[in-house]
Amino acid sequence: MDKKTISVSHKMNGLLDDDYTLFEDGTVLHEFDKHTYPGGQNLKETLAISDLSDAIKQRLIEAASEENKQLVREILGAGVD
């Protein structure tokens, strides 16, 4: 069964991707590039909410649609505005 995506935050650090996708079940997919050399691009890791910085949580809240913002806040924790 596919997980429902509730927020996607895209960001570039220069030429390097730094994207986070939050799913309804609370898992987070981090898709990123470490460097532009072979083997350093299109990397993926699955993270827990506890692995996210406040800045990443804020990015996910800001990226969420109006209908999903409250759910995103609840999943990420009440301490994030």
Protein backbone atom coordinates (compact mmCIF):
# COMPACT_ATOMS: atom_id res chain seq x y z
CA MET A 1 0.00 0.00 0.00
CA ASP A 2 1.28 3.49 -0.86
CA LYS A 3 1.89 5.98 1.90
CA LYS A 4 0.06 9.30 1.70
CA THR A 5 2.37 12.29 1.24
CA ILE A 6 1.31 15.27 3.33
CA SER A 7 4.24 17.68 2.86
CA VAL A 8 7.22 18.02 0.50
CA SER A 9 9.96 20.59 1.05
CA HIS A 10 12.37 21.17 -1.84
CA LYS A 11 15.59 23.08 -1.28
CA MET A 12 18.84 23.51 -3.13
CA ASN A 13 22.22 24.14 -1.49
CA GLY A 14 23.99 25.54 -4.51
CA LEU A 15 23.72 22.69 -7.03
CA LEU A 16 22.90 20.08 -4.37
CA ASP A 17 19.38 18.82 -3.63
CA ASP A 18 18.10 18.73 -0.04
CA ASP A 19 14.48 17.54 -0.15
CA TYR A 20 12.25 16.18 2.61
CA THR A 21 8.94 14.34 2.19
CA LEU A 22 6.68 13.79 5.21
CA PHE A 23 4.23 10.90 5.06
CA GLU A 24 1.00 10.51 7.01
CA ASP A 25 2.48 7.64 9.06
CA GLY A 26 5.21 9.98 10.40
CA THR A 27 8.10 8.71 8.30
CA VAL A 28 10.30 11.17 6.45
CA LEU A 29 12.18 10.54 3.21
CA HIS A 30 15.31 12.68 2.79
CA GLU A 31 16.51 12.86 -0.81
CA PHE A 32 19.80 14.71 -1.16
CA ASP A 33 23.13 15.15 -2.87
CA LYS A 34 26.38 15.11 -0.86
CA HIS A 35 28.53 16.34 -3.74
CA THR A 36 28.52 16.49 -7.55
CA TYR A 37 31.05 13.70 -8.05
CA PRO A 38 29.97 10.12 -8.92
CA GLY A 39 28.29 8.39 -6.00
CA GLY A 40 27.36 11.62 -4.24
CA GLN A 41 24.05 12.38 -5.92
CA ASN A 42 20.48 11.11 -5.66
CA LEU A 43 20.95 9.68 -2.17
CA LYS A 44 17.99 8.66 0.01
CA GLU A 45 17.49 7.96 3.69
CA THR A 46 14.42 7.38 5.82
CA LEU A 47 14.30 9.42 9.01
CA ALA A 48 12.22 9.55 12.16
CA ILE A 49 10.68 12.80 13.39
CA SER A 50 13.23 12.83 16.22
CA ASP A 51 16.03 13.02 13.62
CA LEU A 52 14.76 16.34 12.23
CA SER A 53 16.02 19.75 13.27
CA ASP A 54 13.55 22.51 14.10
CA ALA A 55 14.51 24.22 10.83
CA ILE A 56 13.55 21.12 8.80
CA LYS A 57 10.28 20.79 10.71
CA GLN A 58 9.51 24.44 9.95
CA ARG A 59 10.26 23.86 6.25
CA LEU A 60 7.80 20.96 6.19
CA ILE A 61 5.09 23.01 7.91
CA GLU A 62 5.56 25.90 5.47
CA ALA A 63 5.49 23.53 2.48
CA ALA A 64 2.26 21.80 3.54
CA SER A 65 -1.04 22.72 1.91
CA GLU A 66 -3.51 24.64 4.08
CA GLU A 67 -5.62 21.52 4.48
CA ASN A 68 -2.62 19.51 5.78
CA LYS A 69 -0.85 22.14 7.93
CA GLN A 70 -2.55 21.14 11.19
CA LEU A 71 -1.87 17.44 10.60
CA VAL A 72 1.78 18.21 9.80
CA ARG A 73 2.09 20.24 13.03
CA GLU A 74 0.57 17.37 15.03
CA ILE A 75 2.88 14.76 13.48
CA LEU A 76 5.99 16.91 13.97
CA GLY A 77 5.12 17.83 17.55
CA ALA A 78 3.26 20.65 19.23
CA GLY A 79 6.44 22.64 19.96
CA VAL A 80 6.85 23.76 16.36
CA ASP A 81 4.94 26.85 15.14
